Amino acid sequence: MIQKRNIGLAILYSILTCGIYSMYWFVKITDEANALSGKVETTGGMALLLSIVTCGIYRYFWSYKMGKTIYTAQERLGVNPMDNSILYLILSIFGLDIVSYAIIQSDINVLV
């Protein structure tokens, strides 16, 4: 079941747990975005594993792909679609993944 998450609390939990919660959040937003779009290309657990194995390089691809997945979900559910793929990629390149997570979570909250 897809649920709305409080973005501020998710960021706080990520800081308090030294990033452990952000890994859980990464998996959840991946799975939830896939469910909303109706397409499952890579599960959240697999995306996390690939990110760890590639020393974070996979996250760049994931960031771009997540923008496309959210766009597909918005189209599918009749919400005005907005493609943030490049924004997520740029944020990821500059090490601001948590900002990408927050924007993705915001989009998921709107779709739920």
N, C-alpha and C. Protein backbone atom coordinates (compact mmCIF):
# COMPACT_ATOMS: atom_id res chain seq x y z
N MET A 1 0.84 -1.18 0.00
CA MET A 1 0.00 0.00 0.00
C MET A 1 0.89 1.25 0.00
N ILE A 2 0.53 2.16 -0.85
CA ILE A 2 1.30 3.40 -0.96
C ILE A 2 0.74 4.39 0.04
N GLN A 3 1.64 5.00 0.79
CA GLN A 3 1.19 5.95 1.81
C GLN A 3 1.90 7.28 1.65
N LYS A 4 1.23 8.32 2.10
CA LYS A 4 1.87 9.63 2.11
C LYS A 4 2.87 9.66 3.26
N ARG A 5 4.02 10.26 3.00
CA ARG A 5 5.04 10.39 4.04
C ARG A 5 5.29 11.86 4.30
N ASN A 6 5.56 12.18 5.54
CA ASN A 6 5.95 13.53 5.91
C ASN A 6 7.40 13.72 5.50
N ILE A 7 7.63 14.62 4.58
CA ILE A 7 8.97 14.81 4.02
C ILE A 7 9.94 15.33 5.08
N GLY A 8 9.49 16.25 5.90
CA GLY A 8 10.36 16.79 6.95
C GLY A 8 10.82 15.72 7.92
N LEU A 9 9.90 14.84 8.31
CA LEU A 9 10.27 13.74 9.22
C LEU A 9 11.22 12.76 8.55
N ALA A 10 10.99 12.49 7.26
CA ALA A 10 11.87 11.57 6.54
C ALA A 10 13.30 12.12 6.49
N ILE A 11 13.42 13.41 6.25
CA ILE A 11 14.75 14.04 6.24
C ILE A 11 15.37 13.99 7.64
N LEU A 12 14.57 14.28 8.66
CA LEU A 12 15.06 14.24 10.04
C LEU A 12 15.52 12.83 10.42
N TYR A 13 14.71 11.82 10.07
CA TYR A 13 15.09 10.44 10.37
C TYR A 13 16.38 10.06 9.63
N SER A 14 16.53 10.54 8.41
CA SER A 14 17.74 10.25 7.64
C SER A 14 18.97 10.83 8.32
N ILE A 15 18.83 12.03 8.85
CA ILE A 15 19.95 12.68 9.55
C ILE A 15 20.25 11.96 10.87
N LEU A 16 19.19 11.67 11.65
CA LEU A 16 19.38 11.04 12.95
C LEU A 16 19.95 9.63 12.87
N THR A 17 19.65 8.92 11.79
CA THR A 17 20.15 7.54 11.65
C THR A 17 21.41 7.47 10.79
N CYS A 18 22.01 8.62 10.53
CA CYS A 18 23.26 8.70 9.74
C CYS A 18 23.10 8.06 8.36
N GLY A 19 21.94 8.24 7.75
CA GLY A 19 21.71 7.79 6.38
C GLY A 19 21.05 6.44 6.24
N ILE A 20 20.86 5.71 7.31
CA ILE A 20 20.23 4.40 7.20
C ILE A 20 18.78 4.53 6.75
N TYR A 21 18.06 5.49 7.33
CA TYR A 21 16.66 5.69 6.92
C TYR A 21 16.59 6.13 5.46
N SER A 22 17.58 6.88 4.98
CA SER A 22 17.54 7.33 3.59
C SER A 22 17.64 6.15 2.62
N MET A 23 18.33 5.08 3.02
CA MET A 23 18.37 3.88 2.19
C MET A 23 17.00 3.21 2.13
N TYR A 24 16.33 3.14 3.27
CA TYR A 24 14.96 2.60 3.32
C TYR A 24 14.03 3.47 2.47
N TRP A 25 14.16 4.79 2.61
CA TRP A 25 13.34 5.74 1.87
C TRP A 25 13.57 5.58 0.37
N PHE A 26 14.82 5.39 -0.02
CA PHE A 26 15.20 5.15 -1.41
C PHE A 26 14.45 3.95 -1.98
N VAL A 27 14.47 2.86 -1.23
CA VAL A 27 13.79 1.63 -1.65
C VAL A 27 12.28 1.87 -1.77
N LYS A 28 11.70 2.52 -0.77
CA LYS A 28 10.24 2.74 -0.76
C LYS A 28 9.79 3.65 -1.90
N ILE A 29 10.50 4.76 -2.14
CA ILE A 29 10.04 5.65 -3.21
C ILE A 29 10.23 5.00 -4.58
N THR A 30 11.23 4.15 -4.71
CA THR A 30 11.41 3.43 -5.97
C THR A 30 10.24 2.48 -6.20
N ASP A 31 9.92 1.68 -5.19
CA ASP A 31 8.81 0.73 -5.32
C ASP A 31 7.47 1.44 -5.51
N GLU A 32 7.24 2.52 -4.79
CA GLU A 32 5.97 3.23 -4.89
C GLU A 32 5.83 3.93 -6.24
N ALA A 33 6.90 4.52 -6.74
CA ALA A 33 6.84 5.16 -8.06
C ALA A 33 6.60 4.12 -9.15
N ASN A 34 7.23 2.96 -9.02
CA ASN A 34 6.99 1.88 -9.97
C ASN A 34 5.54 1.43 -9.94
N ALA A 35 4.98 1.30 -8.75
CA ALA A 35 3.58 0.87 -8.62
C ALA A 35 2.64 1.91 -9.23
N LEU A 36 2.91 3.17 -9.01
CA LEU A 36 2.05 4.22 -9.56
C LEU A 36 2.14 4.31 -11.07
N SER A 37 3.31 4.04 -11.62
CA SER A 37 3.48 4.13 -13.07
C SER A 37 2.97 2.89 -13.79
N GLY A 38 2.83 1.80 -13.05
CA GLY A 38 2.37 0.56 -13.66
C GLY A 38 3.48 -0.24 -14.32
N LYS A 39 4.71 0.23 -14.20
CA LYS A 39 5.86 -0.47 -14.78
C LYS A 39 6.89 -0.73 -13.69
N VAL A 40 7.40 -1.95 -13.65
CA VAL A 40 8.46 -2.27 -12.71
C VAL A 40 9.67 -2.71 -13.52
N GLU A 41 10.65 -1.81 -13.62
CA GLU A 41 11.87 -2.16 -14.35
C GLU A 41 12.93 -2.65 -13.37
N THR A 42 13.08 -1.94 -12.27
CA THR A 42 14.02 -2.34 -11.23
C THR A 42 13.35 -2.11 -9.88
N THR A 43 13.34 -3.12 -9.04
CA THR A 43 12.74 -2.96 -7.72
C THR A 43 13.63 -2.06 -6.85
N GLY A 44 13.07 -1.58 -5.76
CA GLY A 44 13.82 -0.73 -4.86
C GLY A 44 15.04 -1.42 -4.27
N GLY A 45 14.87 -2.67 -3.89
CA GLY A 45 15.98 -3.43 -3.32
C GLY A 45 17.10 -3.64 -4.33
N MET A 46 16.73 -3.93 -5.55
CA MET A 46 17.73 -4.12 -6.60
C MET A 46 18.44 -2.81 -6.91
N ALA A 47 17.69 -1.71 -6.93
CA ALA A 47 18.30 -0.40 -7.18
C ALA A 47 19.30 -0.05 -6.07
N LEU A 48 18.95 -0.35 -4.83
CA LEU A 48 19.87 -0.10 -3.71
C LEU A 48 21.12 -0.96 -3.84
N LEU A 49 20.93 -2.23 -4.16
CA LEU A 49 22.06 -3.13 -4.33
C LEU A 49 22.98 -2.66 -5.46
N LEU A 50 22.40 -2.27 -6.58
CA LEU A 50 23.21 -1.78 -7.70
C LEU A 50 23.95 -0.49 -7.34
N SER A 51 23.31 0.36 -6.53
CA SER A 51 23.97 1.59 -6.08
C SER A 51 25.17 1.28 -5.20
N ILE A 52 25.01 0.30 -4.33
CA ILE A 52 26.11 -0.07 -3.43
C ILE A 52 27.24 -0.73 -4.22
N VAL A 53 26.89 -1.66 -5.11
CA VAL A 53 27.91 -2.39 -5.88
C VAL A 53 28.69 -1.47 -6.80
N THR A 54 28.03 -0.47 -7.37
CA THR A 54 28.71 0.45 -8.30
C THR A 54 29.28 1.67 -7.59
N CYS A 55 29.33 1.63 -6.28
CA CYS A 55 29.86 2.74 -5.47
C CYS A 55 29.12 4.05 -5.74
N GLY A 56 27.83 3.96 -5.95
CA GLY A 56 26.99 5.14 -6.11
C GLY A 56 26.77 5.60 -7.53
N ILE A 57 27.47 5.02 -8.49
CA ILE A 57 27.32 5.46 -9.88
C ILE A 57 25.92 5.16 -10.42
N TYR A 58 25.34 4.05 -10.00
CA TYR A 58 23.99 3.69 -10.48
C TYR A 58 22.97 4.74 -10.07
N ARG A 59 23.21 5.45 -8.98
CA ARG A 59 22.25 6.47 -8.52
C ARG A 59 22.03 7.56 -9.55
N TYR A 60 23.04 7.86 -10.36
CA TYR A 60 22.86 8.87 -11.41
C TYR A 60 21.82 8.40 -12.42
N PHE A 61 21.97 7.15 -12.86
CA PHE A 61 21.00 6.57 -13.77
C PHE A 61 19.63 6.49 -13.11
N TRP A 62 19.62 6.05 -11.85
CA TRP A 62 18.36 5.92 -11.11
C TRP A 62 17.65 7.27 -11.02
N SER A 63 18.38 8.33 -10.73
CA SER A 63 17.78 9.66 -10.60
C SER A 63 17.08 10.07 -11.89
N TYR A 64 17.76 9.89 -13.01
CA TYR A 64 17.16 10.24 -14.29
C TYR A 64 15.94 9.36 -14.58
N LYS A 65 16.11 8.06 -14.35
CA LYS A 65 15.02 7.11 -14.63
C LYS A 65 13.81 7.36 -13.72
N MET A 66 14.05 7.77 -12.48
CA MET A 66 12.95 8.04 -11.56
C MET A 66 12.13 9.23 -12.05
N GLY A 67 12.77 10.23 -12.64
CA GLY A 67 12.03 11.34 -13.22
C GLY A 67 11.10 10.88 -14.31
N LYS A 68 11.57 9.96 -15.14
CA LYS A 68 10.73 9.40 -16.21
C LYS A 68 9.59 8.56 -15.64
N THR A 69 9.88 7.82 -14.58
CA THR A 69 8.86 6.97 -13.95
C THR A 69 7.75 7.83 -13.33
N ILE A 70 8.13 8.90 -12.65
CA ILE A 70 7.14 9.80 -12.05
C ILE A 70 6.30 10.45 -13.16
N TYR A 71 6.95 10.83 -14.25
CA TYR A 71 6.24 11.43 -15.39
C TYR A 71 5.19 10.46 -15.93
N THR A 72 5.57 9.19 -16.09
CA THR A 72 4.64 8.17 -16.56
C THR A 72 3.48 8.00 -15.59
N ALA A 73 3.78 8.00 -14.30
CA ALA A 73 2.73 7.85 -13.28
C ALA A 73 1.77 9.04 -13.33
N GLN A 74 2.30 10.24 -13.51
CA GLN A 74 1.45 11.43 -13.58
C GLN A 74 0.54 11.36 -14.80
N GLU A 75 1.08 10.94 -15.93
CA GLU A 75 0.27 10.79 -17.14
C GLU A 75 -0.82 9.75 -16.93
N ARG A 76 -0.42 8.64 -16.34
CA ARG A 76 -1.36 7.52 -16.13
C ARG A 76 -2.51 7.89 -15.21
N LEU A 77 -2.23 8.72 -14.20
CA LEU A 77 -3.26 9.06 -13.22
C LEU A 77 -3.96 10.39 -13.52
N GLY A 78 -3.66 10.99 -14.66
CA GLY A 78 -4.37 12.19 -15.08
C GLY A 78 -3.94 13.48 -14.41
N VAL A 79 -2.75 13.48 -13.83
CA VAL A 79 -2.21 14.69 -13.22
C VAL A 79 -1.35 15.38 -14.27
N ASN A 80 -1.30 16.70 -14.24
CA ASN A 80 -0.47 17.42 -15.20
C ASN A 80 0.98 16.95 -15.10
N PRO A 81 1.50 16.23 -16.12
CA PRO A 81 2.83 15.65 -15.99
C PRO A 81 3.94 16.70 -16.09
N MET A 82 4.98 16.48 -15.30
CA MET A 82 6.15 17.35 -15.31
C MET A 82 7.40 16.48 -15.25
N ASP A 83 8.27 16.61 -16.23
CA ASP A 83 9.47 15.79 -16.32
C ASP A 83 10.63 16.46 -15.58
N ASN A 84 10.97 15.91 -14.42
CA ASN A 84 12.06 16.45 -13.59
C ASN A 84 13.32 15.60 -13.68
N SER A 85 13.45 14.81 -14.72
CA SER A 85 14.58 13.89 -14.84
C SER A 85 15.93 14.60 -14.75
N ILE A 86 16.08 15.68 -15.49
CA ILE A 86 17.35 16.40 -15.51
C ILE A 86 17.62 17.03 -14.14
N LEU A 87 16.58 17.56 -13.50
CA LEU A 87 16.73 18.15 -12.16
C LEU A 87 17.24 17.11 -11.17
N TYR A 88 16.63 15.92 -11.17
CA TYR A 88 17.06 14.86 -10.26
C TYR A 88 18.51 14.46 -10.54
N LEU A 89 18.88 14.37 -11.82
CA LEU A 89 20.24 14.00 -12.20
C LEU A 89 21.24 15.05 -11.72
N ILE A 90 20.94 16.32 -11.92
CA ILE A 90 21.84 17.39 -11.50
C ILE A 90 21.99 17.40 -9.98
N LEU A 91 20.88 17.24 -9.27
CA LEU A 91 20.95 17.18 -7.80
C LEU A 91 21.81 16.01 -7.34
N SER A 92 21.67 14.88 -8.01
CA SER A 92 22.45 13.70 -7.66
C SER A 92 23.93 13.92 -7.94
N ILE A 93 24.25 14.56 -9.04
CA ILE A 93 25.64 14.82 -9.38
C ILE A 93 26.30 15.70 -8.31
N PHE A 94 25.54 16.66 -7.78
CA PHE A 94 26.07 17.55 -6.76
C PHE A 94 25.93 17.00 -5.33
N GLY A 95 25.53 15.74 -5.21
CA GLY A 95 25.46 15.10 -3.90
C GLY A 95 24.24 15.48 -3.08
N LEU A 96 23.22 15.97 -3.73
CA LEU A 96 21.99 16.38 -3.04
C LEU A 96 20.87 15.38 -3.29
N ASP A 97 21.19 14.11 -3.11
CA ASP A 97 20.20 13.05 -3.35
C ASP A 97 18.99 13.20 -2.45
N ILE A 98 19.19 13.64 -1.23
CA ILE A 98 18.08 13.75 -0.29
C ILE A 98 17.06 14.79 -0.77
N VAL A 99 17.53 15.80 -1.49
CA VAL A 99 16.61 16.79 -2.07
C VAL A 99 15.79 16.11 -3.17
N SER A 100 16.43 15.27 -3.97
CA SER A 100 15.70 14.52 -5.00
C SER A 100 14.65 13.62 -4.36
N TYR A 101 15.04 12.94 -3.28
CA TYR A 101 14.09 12.08 -2.58
C TYR A 101 12.89 12.88 -2.11
N ALA A 102 13.14 14.08 -1.58
CA ALA A 102 12.06 14.92 -1.07
C ALA A 102 11.11 15.34 -2.20
N ILE A 103 11.67 15.70 -3.35
CA ILE A 103 10.82 16.11 -4.48
C ILE A 103 10.04 14.92 -5.00
N ILE A 104 10.69 13.77 -5.12
CA ILE A 104 10.00 12.56 -5.57
C ILE A 104 8.88 12.19 -4.59
N GLN A 105 9.17 12.26 -3.29
CA GLN A 105 8.15 11.96 -2.29
C GLN A 105 6.99 12.94 -2.39
N SER A 106 7.28 14.20 -2.64
CA SER A 106 6.23 15.20 -2.81
C SER A 106 5.34 14.83 -4.00
N ASP A 107 5.96 14.42 -5.10
CA ASP A 107 5.18 14.00 -6.28
C ASP A 107 4.34 12.76 -5.97
N ILE A 108 4.90 11.82 -5.23
CA ILE A 108 4.15 10.62 -4.85
C ILE A 108 2.99 10.99 -3.96
N ASN A 109 3.21 11.90 -3.00
CA ASN A 109 2.14 12.33 -2.10
C ASN A 109 0.98 12.95 -2.89
N VAL A 110 1.31 13.72 -3.92
CA VAL A 110 0.26 14.33 -4.76
C VAL A 110 -0.52 13.25 -5.50
N LEU A 111 0.17 12.22 -5.99
CA LEU A 111 -0.49 11.15 -6.75
C LEU A 111 -1.34 10.24 -5.88
N VAL A 112 -0.97 10.13 -4.61
CA VAL A 112 -1.74 9.29 -3.68
C VAL A 112 -2.91 10.09 -3.22
